[in-house]
């Protein structure tokens, strides 16, 4: 059983910073892809940033230059450093991982439960 646990959410004022973390645990052979998504009530879940096993990153235009995604492969953990936060960044942030149980397994997508980020003006 694979579990993703997010941490680091909270409430900050505009211009502040937060660092989110997501640790994957369980039976894991490899993690090919990890990322962060966010969702506001009434809107669909949207991509924030992703990172591959090789370290290639991709970020949404709205967070470029402000958010940085990184990972610690030894800990099966992905981080999201969020700086210069804006009220429009307020959302529930979800961790996602695409991983395999073993060398011959099929890659599957897993989601964390989400962590709330609230930015006040």
N, C-alpha and C. Protein backbone atom coordinates (compact mmCIF):
# COMPACT_ATOMS: atom_id res chain seq x y z
N UNK A 1 0.84 -1.18 0.00
CA UNK A 1 0.00 0.00 0.00
C UNK A 1 0.88 1.24 0.00
N UNK A 2 0.62 2.15 -0.92
CA UNK A 2 1.38 3.38 -1.05
C UNK A 2 0.60 4.52 -0.42
N UNK A 3 1.30 5.36 0.29
CA UNK A 3 0.69 6.51 0.93
C UNK A 3 1.51 7.75 0.66
N UNK A 4 0.84 8.84 0.33
CA UNK A 4 1.48 10.14 0.16
C UNK A 4 0.96 11.06 1.25
N UNK A 5 1.86 11.66 2.00
CA UNK A 5 1.48 12.53 3.10
C UNK A 5 2.06 13.91 2.89
N UNK A 6 1.19 14.90 2.76
CA UNK A 6 1.61 16.28 2.58
C UNK A 6 1.73 16.99 3.92
N UNK A 7 2.59 18.00 3.97
CA UNK A 7 2.75 18.81 5.16
C UNK A 7 3.24 20.19 4.76
N UNK A 8 3.05 21.15 5.64
CA UNK A 8 3.58 22.48 5.43
C UNK A 8 2.58 23.55 5.07
N UNK A 9 1.34 23.18 4.86
CA UNK A 9 0.33 24.17 4.54
C UNK A 9 0.02 25.05 5.73
N UNK A 10 -0.63 26.17 5.46
CA UNK A 10 -0.99 27.10 6.51
C UNK A 10 -1.47 28.41 5.95
N UNK A 11 -1.55 29.40 6.82
CA UNK A 11 -2.02 30.73 6.45
C UNK A 11 -0.88 31.73 6.54
N UNK A 12 -0.72 32.52 5.49
CA UNK A 12 0.32 33.55 5.45
C UNK A 12 -0.23 34.81 4.82
N UNK A 13 0.46 35.90 5.02
CA UNK A 13 0.10 37.15 4.37
C UNK A 13 0.73 37.22 2.99
N UNK A 14 0.13 38.01 2.13
CA UNK A 14 0.68 38.19 0.79
C UNK A 14 2.15 38.59 0.86
N UNK A 15 2.94 37.98 0.00
CA UNK A 15 4.37 38.22 0.01
C UNK A 15 5.16 37.25 0.86
N UNK A 16 4.47 36.45 1.64
CA UNK A 16 5.13 35.49 2.50
C UNK A 16 5.52 34.22 1.77
N UNK A 17 6.05 33.27 2.55
CA UNK A 17 6.55 32.03 1.98
C UNK A 17 6.07 30.83 2.77
N UNK A 18 5.99 29.71 2.08
CA UNK A 18 5.68 28.42 2.69
C UNK A 18 6.46 27.35 1.95
N UNK A 19 6.77 26.28 2.66
CA UNK A 19 7.43 25.14 2.05
C UNK A 19 6.60 23.90 2.30
N UNK A 20 6.10 23.31 1.23
CA UNK A 20 5.32 22.10 1.32
C UNK A 20 6.22 20.89 1.09
N UNK A 21 5.88 19.80 1.74
CA UNK A 21 6.58 18.55 1.52
C UNK A 21 5.58 17.43 1.33
N UNK A 22 6.00 16.40 0.62
CA UNK A 22 5.17 15.23 0.39
C UNK A 22 6.07 14.02 0.41
N UNK A 23 5.83 13.13 1.34
CA UNK A 23 6.62 11.92 1.48
C UNK A 23 5.82 10.71 1.05
N UNK A 24 6.39 9.92 0.17
CA UNK A 24 5.77 8.69 -0.29
C UNK A 24 6.33 7.52 0.51
N UNK A 25 5.46 6.65 0.95
CA UNK A 25 5.89 5.48 1.71
C UNK A 25 5.12 4.25 1.25
N UNK A 26 5.66 3.08 1.58
CA UNK A 26 5.05 1.83 1.18
C UNK A 26 5.97 1.05 0.27
N UNK A 27 5.38 0.16 -0.52
CA UNK A 27 6.15 -0.65 -1.45
C UNK A 27 6.40 0.14 -2.72
N UNK A 28 7.63 0.59 -2.88
CA UNK A 28 7.99 1.46 -4.01
C UNK A 28 9.29 0.97 -4.62
N UNK A 29 9.26 0.68 -5.90
CA UNK A 29 10.47 0.34 -6.63
C UNK A 29 11.10 1.60 -7.22
N UNK A 30 10.28 2.41 -7.84
CA UNK A 30 10.78 3.64 -8.43
C UNK A 30 9.65 4.66 -8.51
N UNK A 31 10.01 5.91 -8.44
CA UNK A 31 9.07 7.00 -8.64
C UNK A 31 9.52 7.76 -9.88
N UNK A 32 8.72 7.70 -10.91
CA UNK A 32 9.09 8.31 -12.19
C UNK A 32 8.79 9.80 -12.23
N UNK A 33 7.81 10.20 -11.46
CA UNK A 33 7.25 11.54 -11.60
C UNK A 33 6.59 11.92 -10.29
N UNK A 34 6.84 13.13 -9.83
CA UNK A 34 6.13 13.67 -8.68
C UNK A 34 5.75 15.11 -9.00
N UNK A 35 4.66 15.54 -8.41
CA UNK A 35 4.23 16.89 -8.70
C UNK A 35 3.24 17.43 -7.70
N UNK A 36 2.94 18.69 -7.88
CA UNK A 36 1.98 19.39 -7.05
C UNK A 36 0.87 19.96 -7.92
N UNK A 37 -0.35 19.79 -7.46
CA UNK A 37 -1.53 20.35 -8.09
C UNK A 37 -2.31 21.12 -7.04
N UNK A 38 -3.18 22.00 -7.48
CA UNK A 38 -3.99 22.74 -6.52
C UNK A 38 -5.41 22.90 -7.03
N UNK A 39 -6.33 23.08 -6.09
CA UNK A 39 -7.73 23.19 -6.45
C UNK A 39 -8.44 24.15 -5.50
N UNK A 40 -9.22 25.04 -6.09
CA UNK A 40 -10.05 25.98 -5.36
C UNK A 40 -11.51 25.56 -5.54
N UNK A 41 -12.34 25.71 -4.51
CA UNK A 41 -13.76 25.36 -4.67
C UNK A 41 -14.37 26.00 -5.90
N UNK A 42 -15.06 25.20 -6.69
CA UNK A 42 -15.68 25.68 -7.90
C UNK A 42 -14.80 25.64 -9.13
N UNK A 43 -13.54 25.24 -8.97
CA UNK A 43 -12.62 25.15 -10.09
C UNK A 43 -12.01 23.76 -10.16
N UNK A 44 -11.50 23.43 -11.34
CA UNK A 44 -10.87 22.13 -11.53
C UNK A 44 -9.45 22.14 -10.97
N UNK A 45 -8.96 20.95 -10.70
CA UNK A 45 -7.60 20.82 -10.21
C UNK A 45 -6.62 21.19 -11.32
N UNK A 46 -5.62 21.98 -10.98
CA UNK A 46 -4.67 22.45 -11.98
C UNK A 46 -3.23 22.13 -11.57
N UNK A 47 -2.40 21.99 -12.57
CA UNK A 47 -0.99 21.71 -12.37
C UNK A 47 -0.29 22.93 -11.77
N UNK A 48 0.57 22.68 -10.79
CA UNK A 48 1.42 23.71 -10.23
C UNK A 48 2.86 23.51 -10.71
N UNK A 49 3.41 22.33 -10.43
CA UNK A 49 4.78 22.02 -10.83
C UNK A 49 4.99 20.52 -10.78
N UNK A 50 5.89 20.03 -11.62
CA UNK A 50 6.22 18.62 -11.64
C UNK A 50 7.73 18.44 -11.74
N UNK A 51 8.19 17.25 -11.37
CA UNK A 51 9.60 16.93 -11.47
C UNK A 51 9.75 15.44 -11.77
N UNK A 52 10.61 15.10 -12.71
CA UNK A 52 10.84 13.71 -13.08
C UNK A 52 11.95 13.13 -12.24
N UNK A 53 12.16 11.82 -12.39
CA UNK A 53 13.23 11.15 -11.66
C UNK A 53 14.59 11.71 -12.03
N UNK A 54 14.72 12.23 -13.24
CA UNK A 54 15.97 12.81 -13.68
C UNK A 54 16.16 14.26 -13.29
N UNK A 55 15.16 14.85 -12.66
CA UNK A 55 15.28 16.21 -12.19
C UNK A 55 14.72 17.27 -13.11
N UNK A 56 14.11 16.86 -14.21
CA UNK A 56 13.50 17.82 -15.12
C UNK A 56 12.23 18.39 -14.50
N UNK A 57 12.12 19.70 -14.49
CA UNK A 57 10.98 20.36 -13.85
C UNK A 57 10.12 21.10 -14.86
N UNK A 58 8.88 21.29 -14.46
CA UNK A 58 7.93 22.05 -15.25
C UNK A 58 7.00 22.77 -14.28
N UNK A 59 6.71 24.02 -14.57
CA UNK A 59 5.86 24.81 -13.69
C UNK A 59 4.81 25.56 -14.48
N UNK A 60 3.70 25.82 -13.84
CA UNK A 60 2.66 26.63 -14.44
C UNK A 60 3.16 28.07 -14.60
N UNK A 61 2.68 28.74 -15.63
CA UNK A 61 3.11 30.11 -15.86
C UNK A 61 2.83 31.02 -14.67
N UNK A 62 1.74 30.76 -13.97
CA UNK A 62 1.35 31.61 -12.87
C UNK A 62 2.29 31.55 -11.67
N UNK A 63 3.14 30.52 -11.60
CA UNK A 63 4.04 30.39 -10.46
C UNK A 63 5.50 30.45 -10.84
N UNK A 64 5.80 30.56 -12.12
CA UNK A 64 7.19 30.64 -12.56
C UNK A 64 7.90 31.81 -11.91
N UNK A 65 9.09 31.55 -11.40
CA UNK A 65 9.86 32.57 -10.74
C UNK A 65 9.53 32.73 -9.27
N UNK A 66 8.46 32.12 -8.81
CA UNK A 66 8.05 32.23 -7.41
C UNK A 66 8.10 30.89 -6.67
N UNK A 67 7.72 29.82 -7.36
CA UNK A 67 7.70 28.49 -6.75
C UNK A 67 8.83 27.64 -7.31
N UNK A 68 9.41 26.81 -6.47
CA UNK A 68 10.46 25.90 -6.89
C UNK A 68 10.14 24.50 -6.39
N UNK A 69 10.16 23.54 -7.30
CA UNK A 69 9.93 22.15 -6.92
C UNK A 69 11.27 21.42 -6.88
N UNK A 70 11.41 20.53 -5.93
CA UNK A 70 12.61 19.72 -5.80
C UNK A 70 12.24 18.38 -5.18
N UNK A 71 13.17 17.44 -5.24
CA UNK A 71 12.90 16.13 -4.65
C UNK A 71 14.15 15.54 -4.03
N UNK A 72 13.93 14.70 -3.05
CA UNK A 72 14.98 13.94 -2.39
C UNK A 72 14.67 12.48 -2.67
N UNK A 73 15.37 11.91 -3.63
CA UNK A 73 15.07 10.54 -4.04
C UNK A 73 15.30 9.53 -2.92
N UNK A 74 16.29 9.77 -2.09
CA UNK A 74 16.58 8.85 -0.99
C UNK A 74 15.43 8.79 0.01
N UNK A 75 14.69 9.88 0.14
CA UNK A 75 13.59 9.94 1.08
C UNK A 75 12.22 9.80 0.40
N UNK A 76 12.21 9.64 -0.92
CA UNK A 76 10.96 9.58 -1.68
C UNK A 76 10.06 10.77 -1.33
N UNK A 77 10.67 11.93 -1.33
CA UNK A 77 9.98 13.14 -0.90
C UNK A 77 10.12 14.23 -1.95
N UNK A 78 9.04 14.95 -2.17
CA UNK A 78 9.05 16.10 -3.07
C UNK A 78 8.69 17.34 -2.26
N UNK A 79 9.29 18.47 -2.63
CA UNK A 79 9.08 19.71 -1.92
C UNK A 79 8.57 20.78 -2.89
N UNK A 80 7.86 21.74 -2.35
CA UNK A 80 7.45 22.91 -3.12
C UNK A 80 7.74 24.14 -2.27
N UNK A 81 8.75 24.89 -2.68
CA UNK A 81 9.09 26.14 -2.02
C UNK A 81 8.29 27.25 -2.67
N UNK A 82 7.45 27.90 -1.91
CA UNK A 82 6.56 28.93 -2.43
C UNK A 82 6.96 30.27 -1.84
N UNK A 83 7.34 31.19 -2.70
CA UNK A 83 7.73 32.54 -2.29
C UNK A 83 6.82 33.57 -2.96
N UNK A 84 6.84 34.77 -2.41
CA UNK A 84 6.03 35.86 -2.95
C UNK A 84 4.59 35.42 -3.17
N UNK A 85 4.02 34.81 -2.17
CA UNK A 85 2.68 34.27 -2.29
C UNK A 85 1.64 35.38 -2.49
N UNK A 86 0.65 35.05 -3.28
CA UNK A 86 -0.43 35.96 -3.61
C UNK A 86 -1.76 35.37 -3.17
N UNK A 87 -2.77 36.21 -2.94
CA UNK A 87 -4.08 35.68 -2.55
C UNK A 87 -4.63 34.66 -3.54
N UNK A 88 -4.34 34.82 -4.81
CA UNK A 88 -4.83 33.87 -5.80
C UNK A 88 -4.14 32.51 -5.72
N UNK A 89 -3.10 32.40 -4.91
CA UNK A 89 -2.47 31.11 -4.67
C UNK A 89 -3.24 30.27 -3.66
N UNK A 90 -4.21 30.87 -3.01
CA UNK A 90 -5.01 30.15 -2.02
C UNK A 90 -5.71 28.96 -2.66
N UNK A 91 -5.51 27.79 -2.09
CA UNK A 91 -6.08 26.56 -2.64
C UNK A 91 -5.70 25.40 -1.74
N UNK A 92 -6.29 24.25 -2.03
CA UNK A 92 -5.82 23.00 -1.45
C UNK A 92 -4.76 22.44 -2.40
N UNK A 93 -3.60 22.16 -1.88
CA UNK A 93 -2.50 21.66 -2.69
C UNK A 93 -2.38 20.15 -2.51
N UNK A 94 -2.33 19.44 -3.64
CA UNK A 94 -2.29 17.99 -3.64
C UNK A 94 -0.98 17.49 -4.22
N UNK A 95 -0.41 16.52 -3.57
CA UNK A 95 0.78 15.85 -4.05
C UNK A 95 0.39 14.68 -4.96
N UNK A 96 1.13 14.49 -6.02
CA UNK A 96 0.90 13.39 -6.94
C UNK A 96 2.21 12.67 -7.22
N UNK A 97 2.13 11.35 -7.34
CA UNK A 97 3.31 10.56 -7.68
C UNK A 97 2.92 9.45 -8.64
N UNK A 98 3.75 9.22 -9.63
CA UNK A 98 3.59 8.10 -10.55
C UNK A 98 4.73 7.15 -10.24
N UNK A 99 4.39 5.95 -9.80
CA UNK A 99 5.41 5.03 -9.33
C UNK A 99 5.09 3.58 -9.68
N UNK A 100 6.09 2.74 -9.49
CA UNK A 100 5.95 1.31 -9.70
C UNK A 100 6.33 0.55 -8.44
N UNK A 101 5.63 -0.54 -8.18
CA UNK A 101 5.93 -1.38 -7.02
C UNK A 101 7.23 -2.17 -7.20
N UNK A 102 7.49 -2.60 -8.44
CA UNK A 102 8.68 -3.37 -8.74
C UNK A 102 9.07 -3.15 -10.19
N UNK A 103 10.16 -3.78 -10.60
CA UNK A 103 10.71 -3.57 -11.94
C UNK A 103 9.73 -3.94 -13.04
N UNK A 104 8.86 -4.89 -12.79
CA UNK A 104 7.94 -5.38 -13.81
C UNK A 104 6.52 -4.86 -13.64
N UNK A 105 6.32 -4.00 -12.69
CA UNK A 105 5.01 -3.48 -12.44
C UNK A 105 4.62 -2.36 -13.38
N UNK A 106 3.34 -2.05 -13.36
CA UNK A 106 2.80 -0.97 -14.16
C UNK A 106 2.84 0.33 -13.36
N UNK A 107 3.26 1.38 -14.00
CA UNK A 107 3.29 2.67 -13.33
C UNK A 107 1.87 3.13 -13.03
N UNK A 108 1.66 3.57 -11.80
CA UNK A 108 0.35 4.02 -11.38
C UNK A 108 0.44 5.37 -10.70
N UNK A 109 -0.66 6.09 -10.74
CA UNK A 109 -0.72 7.42 -10.17
C UNK A 109 -1.37 7.38 -8.79
N UNK A 110 -0.76 8.09 -7.84
CA UNK A 110 -1.28 8.17 -6.48
C UNK A 110 -1.38 9.63 -6.06
N UNK A 111 -2.34 9.88 -5.20
CA UNK A 111 -2.59 11.24 -4.72
C UNK A 111 -2.57 11.32 -3.21
N UNK A 112 -2.07 12.43 -2.71
CA UNK A 112 -2.17 12.71 -1.30
C UNK A 112 -3.53 13.29 -0.96
N UNK A 113 -3.78 13.50 0.31
CA UNK A 113 -5.08 13.98 0.75
C UNK A 113 -5.23 15.49 0.60
N UNK A 114 -4.13 16.20 0.47
CA UNK A 114 -4.18 17.64 0.27
C UNK A 114 -3.84 18.41 1.53
N UNK A 115 -3.29 19.61 1.33
CA UNK A 115 -2.99 20.51 2.43
C UNK A 115 -3.42 21.92 2.04
N UNK A 116 -4.07 22.61 2.96
CA UNK A 116 -4.63 23.92 2.67
C UNK A 116 -3.57 25.01 2.76
N UNK A 117 -3.55 25.86 1.74
CA UNK A 117 -2.72 27.06 1.74
C UNK A 117 -3.63 28.26 1.59
N UNK A 118 -3.55 29.19 2.53
CA UNK A 118 -4.37 30.38 2.49
C UNK A 118 -3.48 31.61 2.55
N UNK A 119 -3.66 32.51 1.58
CA UNK A 119 -2.86 33.73 1.50
C UNK A 119 -3.79 34.92 1.63
N UNK A 120 -3.57 35.74 2.63
CA UNK A 120 -4.41 36.91 2.87
C UNK A 120 -3.77 38.15 2.28
N UNK A 121 -4.60 39.10 1.87
CA UNK A 121 -4.11 40.33 1.29
C UNK A 121 -3.86 41.39 2.34
